[in-house]
Protein backbone atom coordinates (compact mmCIF):
# COMPACT_ATOMS: atom_id res chain seq x y z
CA MET A 1 0.00 0.00 0.00
CA LYS A 2 1.53 3.29 -1.11
CA ILE A 3 0.70 6.21 1.17
CA ASN A 4 1.19 9.87 0.43
CA ARG A 5 2.87 12.38 2.72
CA SER A 6 -0.41 13.62 4.21
CA GLU A 7 -1.58 10.10 5.03
CA LYS A 8 1.80 9.32 6.57
CA GLN A 9 1.54 12.41 8.81
CA GLN A 10 -1.96 11.37 9.88
CA LEU A 11 -0.74 7.86 10.71
CA LEU A 12 2.22 9.22 12.67
CA GLN A 13 -0.09 11.53 14.63
CA ALA A 14 -2.50 8.68 15.37
CA VAL A 15 0.37 6.47 16.55
CA ALA A 16 1.67 9.25 18.81
CA GLU A 17 -1.78 9.78 20.34
CA LEU A 18 -2.28 6.05 20.92
CA LYS A 19 1.16 5.74 22.51
CA GLN A 20 0.34 8.62 24.87
CA GLU A 21 -2.94 6.97 25.84
CA HIS A 22 -1.07 3.67 26.33
CA ARG A 23 1.42 5.38 28.70
CA GLU A 24 -1.41 7.02 30.63
CA LEU A 25 -3.15 3.66 31.08
CA ASP A 26 0.12 2.11 32.24
CA ILE A 27 0.49 4.80 34.89
CA ALA A 28 -3.14 4.42 35.99
CA ILE A 29 -2.73 0.64 36.28
CA HIS A 30 0.43 0.97 38.38
CA GLU A 31 -1.16 3.57 40.66
CA MET A 32 -4.29 1.47 41.10
CA ALA A 33 -2.29 -1.71 41.77
CA GLU A 34 -0.36 0.02 44.58
CA LYS A 35 -3.53 0.65 46.56
CA VAL A 36 -4.28 -1.70 49.43
CA HIS A 37 -7.81 -2.41 48.21
CA ALA A 38 -7.14 -2.38 44.48
CA ASN A 39 -10.14 -3.12 42.29
CA GLN A 40 -8.89 -6.15 40.36
CA LEU A 41 -11.79 -6.04 37.89
CA GLU A 42 -10.97 -2.44 37.00
CA ILE A 43 -7.27 -3.25 36.70
CA GLY A 44 -8.13 -6.15 34.37
CA ARG A 45 -10.33 -3.88 32.25
CA LEU A 46 -7.56 -1.29 31.97
CA LYS A 47 -5.02 -3.97 31.03
CA ARG A 48 -7.30 -5.25 28.25
CA GLN A 49 -7.78 -1.69 27.00
CA LYS A 50 -4.01 -1.18 27.08
CA LEU A 51 -3.50 -4.37 25.04
CA MET A 52 -6.04 -3.22 22.45
CA LEU A 53 -4.15 0.07 22.15
CA LYS A 54 -0.88 -1.81 21.69
CA ASP A 55 -2.46 -3.86 18.88
CA ALA A 56 -3.82 -0.70 17.23
CA ILE A 57 -0.38 0.92 17.43
CA ALA A 58 1.22 -2.13 15.82
CA ARG A 59 -1.34 -2.09 12.97
CA LEU A 60 -0.77 1.60 12.27
CA GLU A 61 3.00 1.25 12.45
CA SER A 62 2.86 -1.66 9.98
CA ASP A 63 0.93 0.61 7.59
CA LEU A 64 3.90 2.99 7.70
CA ILE A 65 6.32 0.30 6.49
CA PRO A 66 6.65 0.30 2.69
CA ASP A 67 5.38 -2.79 0.91
CA LEU A 68 8.47 -4.66 -0.30
CA HIS A 69 6.46 -6.62 -2.87
CA ALA A 70 5.40 -3.49 -4.78
C-alpha cells in the first residue's frame, strides 16, 4: 500500500496519540495496583484496553512500512 505524505503524517499523529494513551493507562494501572484495596476487575479492564491500544499501534505502524512486494 503506497501512502502519500499527508496520510503518513496522519498515521504518525494517530500512533503518537495512541502511545500517549497507552502510557497514561500504564500509569493508571500501576497507581491502582499500589492501593491496598485495588479493584482487580478495573485493573483487568484497563489492562485489556491497554493491550487493544498496543495492537492498534502495531497495525498503524505496519501501515507505515513500505510494501516490499510493490
